Amino acid sequence: MIYYSVIPAEVALQDPAQPEPKIREVLVEGVSMMVEVDGAGEGRILRLLSTDPAHYLDPRYQPGSRVSLKS
């Protein structure tokens, strides 16, 4: 099946029974990023919002990496 739409596939095909993930914009070690928050004070990086190219080359800030949200 081919799906053509302006709506992203992950939005259109998501399971309505699943709860919405908690996504927040946070600043971790001076790097701005979007994080999916867990209940354990940690989060999974979804994307970087930083304008510094060096942050994108740092393996600690790769999407999918875990970060601590405790200050």
PDB file of N, CA and C in Angstrom:
ATOM      1  N   MET A   1       0.835  -1.166   0.000  1.00  0.00           N
ATOM      2  CA  MET A   1       0.000   0.000   0.000  1.00  0.00           C
ATOM      3  C   MET A   1       0.889   1.242   0.000  1.00  0.00           C
ATOM      4  N   ILE A   2       0.540   2.197  -0.811  1.00  0.00           N
ATOM      5  CA  ILE A   2       1.272   3.455  -0.866  1.00  0.00           C
ATOM      6  C   ILE A   2       0.415   4.508  -0.190  1.00  0.00           C
ATOM      7  N   TYR A   3       1.050   5.293   0.675  1.00  0.00           N
ATOM      8  CA  TYR A   3       0.357   6.321   1.436  1.00  0.00           C
ATOM      9  C   TYR A   3       0.860   7.694   1.003  1.00  0.00           C
ATOM     10  N   TYR A   4      -0.005   8.487   0.379  1.00  0.00           N
ATOM     11  CA  TYR A   4       0.334   9.838  -0.040  1.00  0.00           C
ATOM     12  C   TYR A   4      -0.479  10.826   0.796  1.00  0.00           C
ATOM     13  N   SER A   5       0.197  11.688   1.546  1.00  0.00           N
ATOM     14  CA  SER A   5      -0.503  12.679   2.349  1.00  0.00           C
ATOM     15  C   SER A   5       0.470  13.755   2.805  1.00  0.00           C
ATOM     16  N   VAL A   6      -0.056  14.922   3.141  1.00  0.00           N
ATOM     17  CA  VAL A   6       0.770  15.981   3.713  1.00  0.00           C
ATOM     18  C   VAL A   6       0.955  15.756   5.211  1.00  0.00           C
ATOM     19  N   ILE A   7       0.156  14.867   5.789  1.00  0.00           N
ATOM     20  CA  ILE A   7       0.271  14.522   7.206  1.00  0.00           C
ATOM     21  C   ILE A   7       1.349  13.450   7.346  1.00  0.00           C
ATOM     22  N   PRO A   8       2.308  13.620   8.283  1.00  0.00           N
ATOM     23  CA  PRO A   8       3.338  12.602   8.460  1.00  0.00           C
ATOM     24  C   PRO A   8       2.724  11.236   8.773  1.00  0.00           C
ATOM     25  N   ALA A   9       3.316  10.194   8.234  1.00  0.00           N
ATOM     26  CA  ALA A   9       2.788   8.836   8.407  1.00  0.00           C
ATOM     27  C   ALA A   9       2.694   8.446   9.870  1.00  0.00           C
ATOM     28  N   GLU A  10       3.682   8.836  10.700  1.00  0.00           N
ATOM     29  CA  GLU A  10       3.646   8.459  12.113  1.00  0.00           C
ATOM     30  C   GLU A  10       2.483   9.114  12.850  1.00  0.00           C
ATOM     31  N   VAL A  11       1.979  10.237  12.352  1.00  0.00           N
ATOM     32  CA  VAL A  11       0.814  10.885  12.964  1.00  0.00           C
ATOM     33  C   VAL A  11      -0.475  10.237  12.465  1.00  0.00           C
ATOM     34  N   ALA A  12      -0.574  10.030  11.172  1.00  0.00           N
ATOM     35  CA  ALA A  12      -1.795   9.481  10.588  1.00  0.00           C
ATOM     36  C   ALA A  12      -2.025   8.019  10.958  1.00  0.00           C
ATOM     37  N   LEU A  13      -0.963   7.261  11.136  1.00  0.00           N
ATOM     38  CA  LEU A  13      -1.090   5.830  11.389  1.00  0.00           C
ATOM     39  C   LEU A  13      -0.881   5.442  12.846  1.00  0.00           C
ATOM     40  N   GLN A  14      -0.845   6.417  13.757  1.00  0.00           N
ATOM     41  CA  GLN A  14      -0.623   6.093  15.161  1.00  0.00           C
ATOM     42  C   GLN A  14      -1.850   5.433  15.768  1.00  0.00           C
ATOM     43  N   ASP A  15      -1.643   4.650  16.794  1.00  0.00           N
ATOM     44  CA  ASP A  15      -2.711   3.946  17.488  1.00  0.00           C
ATOM     45  C   ASP A  15      -3.404   4.918  18.446  1.00  0.00           C
ATOM     46  N   PRO A  16      -4.695   5.181  18.265  1.00  0.00           N
ATOM     47  CA  PRO A  16      -5.379   6.137  19.144  1.00  0.00           C
ATOM     48  C   PRO A  16      -5.503   5.649  20.590  1.00  0.00           C
ATOM     49  N   ALA A  17      -5.306   4.355  20.821  1.00  0.00           N
ATOM     50  CA  ALA A  17      -5.387   3.824  22.184  1.00  0.00           C
ATOM     51  C   ALA A  17      -4.118   4.117  22.987  1.00  0.00           C
ATOM     52  N   GLN A  18      -3.017   4.428  22.302  1.00  0.00           N
ATOM     53  CA  GLN A  18      -1.761   4.728  22.987  1.00  0.00           C
ATOM     54  C   GLN A  18      -1.792   6.155  23.517  1.00  0.00           C
ATOM     55  N   PRO A  19      -1.273   6.385  24.736  1.00  0.00           N
ATOM     56  CA  PRO A  19      -1.235   7.756  25.257  1.00  0.00           C
ATOM     57  C   PRO A  19      -0.210   8.605  24.497  1.00  0.00           C
ATOM     58  N   GLU A  20      -0.434   9.909  24.487  1.00  0.00           N
ATOM     59  CA  GLU A  20       0.500  10.842  23.842  1.00  0.00           C
ATOM     60  C   GLU A  20       1.822  10.851  24.605  1.00  0.00           C
ATOM     61  N   PRO A  21       2.951  10.817  23.911  1.00  0.00           N
ATOM     62  CA  PRO A  21       4.235  10.912  24.620  1.00  0.00           C
ATOM     63  C   PRO A  21       4.433  12.320  25.169  1.00  0.00           C
ATOM     64  N   LYS A  22       5.109  12.401  26.312  1.00  0.00           N
ATOM     65  CA  LYS A  22       5.403  13.695  26.918  1.00  0.00           C
ATOM     66  C   LYS A  22       6.678  14.238  26.296  1.00  0.00           C
ATOM     67  N   ILE A  23       6.536  15.250  25.467  1.00  0.00           N
ATOM     68  CA  ILE A  23       7.674  15.837  24.765  1.00  0.00           C
ATOM     69  C   ILE A  23       7.886  17.249  25.292  1.00  0.00           C
ATOM     70  N   ARG A  24       9.136  17.543  25.663  1.00  0.00           N
ATOM     71  CA  ARG A  24       9.467  18.863  26.192  1.00  0.00           C
ATOM     72  C   ARG A  24      10.712  19.395  25.511  1.00  0.00           C
ATOM     73  N   GLU A  25      10.799  20.711  25.458  1.00  0.00           N
ATOM     74  CA  GLU A  25      12.016  21.375  25.000  1.00  0.00           C
ATOM     75  C   GLU A  25      12.839  21.667  26.252  1.00  0.00           C
ATOM     76  N   VAL A  26      14.057  21.147  26.309  1.00  0.00           N
ATOM     77  CA  VAL A  26      14.898  21.295  27.498  1.00  0.00           C
ATOM     78  C   VAL A  26      16.288  21.788  27.110  1.00  0.00           C
ATOM     79  N   LEU A  27      17.003  22.246  28.115  1.00  0.00           N
ATOM     80  CA  LEU A  27      18.386  22.674  27.956  1.00  0.00           C
ATOM     81  C   LEU A  27      19.243  21.739  28.806  1.00  0.00           C
ATOM     82  N   VAL A  28      20.055  20.905  28.163  1.00  0.00           N
ATOM     83  CA  VAL A  28      20.915  19.948  28.850  1.00  0.00           C
ATOM     84  C   VAL A  28      22.356  20.319  28.563  1.00  0.00           C
ATOM     85  N   GLU A  29      23.107  20.660  29.603  1.00  0.00           N
ATOM     86  CA  GLU A  29      24.517  21.054  29.479  1.00  0.00           C
ATOM     87  C   GLU A  29      24.688  22.164  28.436  1.00  0.00           C
ATOM     88  N   GLY A  30      23.728  23.087  28.378  1.00  0.00           N
ATOM     89  CA  GLY A  30      23.813  24.209  27.454  1.00  0.00           C
ATOM     90  C   GLY A  30      23.363  23.908  26.041  1.00  0.00           C
ATOM     91  N   VAL A  31      22.814  22.718  25.803  1.00  0.00           N
ATOM     92  CA  VAL A  31      22.362  22.316  24.467  1.00  0.00           C
ATOM     93  C   VAL A  31      20.839  22.239  24.466  1.00  0.00           C
ATOM     94  N   SER A  32      20.205  22.980  23.577  1.00  0.00           N
ATOM     95  CA  SER A  32      18.751  22.970  23.464  1.00  0.00           C
ATOM     96  C   SER A  32      18.318  21.769  22.633  1.00  0.00           C
ATOM     97  N   MET A  33      17.303  21.023  23.134  1.00  0.00           N
ATOM     98  CA  MET A  33      16.856  19.823  22.436  1.00  0.00           C
ATOM     99  C   MET A  33      15.413  19.494  22.782  1.00  0.00           C
ATOM    100  N   MET A  34      14.783  18.674  21.932  1.00  0.00           N
ATOM    101  CA  MET A  34      13.450  18.138  22.189  1.00  0.00           C
ATOM    102  C   MET A  34      13.647  16.744  22.756  1.00  0.00           C
ATOM    103  N   VAL A  35      12.966  16.469  23.888  1.00  0.00           N
ATOM    104  CA  VAL A  35      13.168  15.217  24.604  1.00  0.00           C
ATOM    105  C   VAL A  35      11.820  14.583  24.908  1.00  0.00           C
ATOM    106  N   GLU A  36      11.724  13.259  24.742  1.00  0.00           N
ATOM    107  CA  GLU A  36      10.561  12.501  25.190  1.00  0.00           C
ATOM    108  C   GLU A  36      10.840  12.089  26.624  1.00  0.00           C
ATOM    109  N   VAL A  37      10.023  12.568  27.557  1.00  0.00           N
ATOM    110  CA  VAL A  37      10.277  12.410  28.989  1.00  0.00           C
ATOM    111  C   VAL A  37       9.775  11.066  29.499  1.00  0.00           C
ATOM    112  N   ASP A  38      10.617  10.411  30.329  1.00  0.00           N
ATOM    113  CA  ASP A  38      10.221   9.214  31.067  1.00  0.00           C
ATOM    114  C   ASP A  38       9.770   9.651  32.455  1.00  0.00           C
ATOM    115  N   GLY A  39       9.253   8.743  33.225  1.00  0.00           N
ATOM    116  CA  GLY A  39       8.876   9.062  34.590  1.00  0.00           C
ATOM    117  C   GLY A  39      10.050   9.004  35.539  1.00  0.00           C
ATOM    118  N   ALA A  40      11.200   8.549  35.092  1.00  0.00           N
ATOM    119  CA  ALA A  40      12.356   8.329  35.966  1.00  0.00           C
ATOM    120  C   ALA A  40      13.319   9.511  35.977  1.00  0.00           C
ATOM    121  N   GLY A  41      12.900  10.688  35.510  1.00  0.00           N
ATOM    122  CA  GLY A  41      13.798  11.839  35.474  1.00  0.00           C
ATOM    123  C   GLY A  41      14.802  11.781  34.342  1.00  0.00           C
ATOM    124  N   GLU A  42      14.521  10.948  33.370  1.00  0.00           N
ATOM    125  CA  GLU A  42      15.369  10.834  32.194  1.00  0.00           C
ATOM    126  C   GLU A  42      14.529  11.047  30.958  1.00  0.00           C
ATOM    127  N   GLY A  43      15.198  11.211  29.837  1.00  0.00           N
ATOM    128  CA  GLY A  43      14.488  11.379  28.584  1.00  0.00           C
ATOM    129  C   GLY A  43      15.299  10.842  27.421  1.00  0.00           C
ATOM    130  N   ARG A  44      14.622  10.688  26.302  1.00  0.00           N
ATOM    131  CA  ARG A  44      15.253  10.217  25.073  1.00  0.00           C
ATOM    132  C   ARG A  44      15.257  11.384  24.092  1.00  0.00           C
ATOM    133  N   ILE A  45      16.423  11.698  23.548  1.00  0.00           N
ATOM    134  CA  ILE A  45      16.557  12.819  22.623  1.00  0.00           C
ATOM    135  C   ILE A  45      15.815  12.512  21.333  1.00  0.00           C
ATOM    136  N   LEU A  46      14.935  13.429  20.943  1.00  0.00           N
ATOM    137  CA  LEU A  46      14.228  13.309  19.676  1.00  0.00           C
ATOM    138  C   LEU A  46      14.929  14.112  18.590  1.00  0.00           C
ATOM    139  N   ARG A  47      15.336  15.358  18.931  1.00  0.00           N
ATOM    140  CA  ARG A  47      16.067  16.180  17.972  1.00  0.00           C
ATOM    141  C   ARG A  47      16.750  17.320  18.699  1.00  0.00           C
ATOM    142  N   LEU A  48      17.814  17.812  18.096  1.00  0.00           N
ATOM    143  CA  LEU A  48      18.533  18.967  18.632  1.00  0.00           C
ATOM    144  C   LEU A  48      17.959  20.241  18.041  1.00  0.00           C
ATOM    145  N   LEU A  49      17.954  21.295  18.859  1.00  0.00           N
ATOM    146  CA  LEU A  49      17.496  22.597  18.404  1.00  0.00           C
ATOM    147  C   LEU A  49      18.632  23.616  18.411  1.00  0.00           C
ATOM    148  N   SER A  50      19.808  23.174  18.757  1.00  0.00           N
ATOM    149  CA  SER A  50      20.977  24.041  18.875  1.00  0.00           C
ATOM    150  C   SER A  50      21.409  24.565  17.507  1.00  0.00           C
ATOM    151  N   THR A  51      22.046  25.731  17.528  1.00  0.00           N
ATOM    152  CA  THR A  51      22.590  26.295  16.288  1.00  0.00           C
ATOM    153  C   THR A  51      24.089  26.054  16.161  1.00  0.00           C
ATOM    154  N   ASP A  52      24.682  25.391  17.156  1.00  0.00           N
ATOM    155  CA  ASP A  52      26.121  25.117  17.146  1.00  0.00           C
ATOM    156  C   ASP A  52      26.386  23.797  16.416  1.00  0.00           C
ATOM    157  N   PRO A  53      27.098  23.813  15.291  1.00  0.00           N
ATOM    158  CA  PRO A  53      27.364  22.579  14.543  1.00  0.00           C
ATOM    159  C   PRO A  53      28.122  21.525  15.352  1.00  0.00           C
ATOM    160  N   ALA A  54      28.915  21.940  16.319  1.00  0.00           N
ATOM    161  CA  ALA A  54      29.677  20.979  17.127  1.00  0.00           C
ATOM    162  C   ALA A  54      28.752  20.085  17.945  1.00  0.00           C
ATOM    163  N   HIS A  55      27.586  20.579  18.333  1.00  0.00           N
ATOM    164  CA  HIS A  55      26.646  19.763  19.104  1.00  0.00           C
ATOM    165  C   HIS A  55      26.119  18.596  18.273  1.00  0.00           C
ATOM    166  N   TYR A  56      25.964  18.802  16.974  1.00  0.00           N
ATOM    167  CA  TYR A  56      25.455  17.738  16.104  1.00  0.00           C
ATOM    168  C   TYR A  56      26.496  16.645  15.872  1.00  0.00           C
ATOM    169  N   LEU A  57      27.777  16.968  16.075  1.00  0.00           N
ATOM    170  CA  LEU A  57      28.842  15.985  15.891  1.00  0.00           C
ATOM    171  C   LEU A  57      29.166  15.237  17.179  1.00  0.00           C
ATOM    172  N   ASP A  58      28.640  15.689  18.302  1.00  0.00           N
ATOM    173  CA  ASP A  58      28.901  15.067  19.599  1.00  0.00           C
ATOM    174  C   ASP A  58      28.012  13.831  19.756  1.00  0.00           C
ATOM    175  N   PRO A  59      28.597  12.639  19.917  1.00  0.00           N
ATOM    176  CA  PRO A  59      27.792  11.415  20.014  1.00  0.00           C
ATOM    177  C   PRO A  59      26.877  11.373  21.239  1.00  0.00           C
ATOM    178  N   ARG A  60      27.138  12.182  22.255  1.00  0.00           N
ATOM    179  CA  ARG A  60      26.259  12.212  23.435  1.00  0.00           C
ATOM    180  C   ARG A  60      24.886  12.774  23.104  1.00  0.00           C
ATOM    181  N   TYR A  61      24.786  13.559  22.030  1.00  0.00           N
ATOM    182  CA  TYR A  61      23.536  14.230  21.698  1.00  0.00           C
ATOM    183  C   TYR A  61      22.867  13.663  20.451  1.00  0.00           C
ATOM    184  N   GLN A  62      23.170  12.439  20.100  1.00  0.00           N
ATOM    185  CA  GLN A  62      22.523  11.811  18.948  1.00  0.00           C
ATOM    186  C   GLN A  62      21.067  11.495  19.278  1.00  0.00           C
ATOM    187  N   PRO A  63      20.164  11.642  18.321  1.00  0.00           N
ATOM    188  CA  PRO A  63      18.774  11.249  18.566  1.00  0.00           C
ATOM    189  C   PRO A  63      18.693   9.791  19.008  1.00  0.00           C
ATOM    190  N   GLY A  64      17.903   9.555  20.039  1.00  0.00           N
ATOM    191  CA  GLY A  64      17.771   8.211  20.617  1.00  0.00           C
ATOM    192  C   GLY A  64      18.603   8.041  21.865  1.00  0.00           C
ATOM    193  N   SER A  65      19.570   8.928  22.081  1.00  0.00           N
ATOM    194  CA  SER A  65      20.407   8.846  23.278  1.00  0.00           C
ATOM    195  C   SER A  65      19.606   9.237  24.507  1.00  0.00           C
ATOM    196  N   ARG A  66      19.992   8.702  25.662  1.00  0.00           N
ATOM    197  CA  ARG A  66      19.328   9.006  26.926  1.00  0.00           C
ATOM    198  C   ARG A  66      20.062  10.151  27.609  1.00  0.00           C
ATOM    199  N   VAL A  67      19.296  11.070  28.218  1.00  0.00           N
ATOM    200  CA  VAL A  67      19.870  12.170  28.970  1.00  0.00           C
ATOM    201  C   VAL A  67      19.143  12.289  30.305  1.00  0.00           C
ATOM    202  N   SER A  68      19.861  12.785  31.300  1.00  0.00           N
ATOM    203  CA  SER A  68      19.275  13.034  32.614  1.00  0.00           C
ATOM    204  C   SER A  68      18.657  14.425  32.615  1.00  0.00           C
ATOM    205  N   LEU A  69      17.434  14.541  33.118  1.00  0.00           N
ATOM    206  CA  LEU A  69      16.750  15.819  33.149  1.00  0.00           C
ATOM    207  C   LEU A  69      16.820  16.475  34.530  1.00  0.00           C
ATOM    208  N   LYS A  70      17.542  15.856  35.441  1.00  0.00           N
ATOM    209  CA  LYS A  70      17.682  16.418  36.775  1.00  0.00           C
ATOM    210  C   LYS A  70      18.778  17.477  36.741  1.00  0.00           C
ATOM    211  N   SER A  71      18.521  18.627  37.375  1.00  0.00           N
ATOM    212  CA  SER A  71      19.514  19.692  37.362  1.00  0.00           C
ATOM    213  C   SER A  71      20.477  19.590  38.508  1.00  0.00           C
TER     214      SER A  71
END
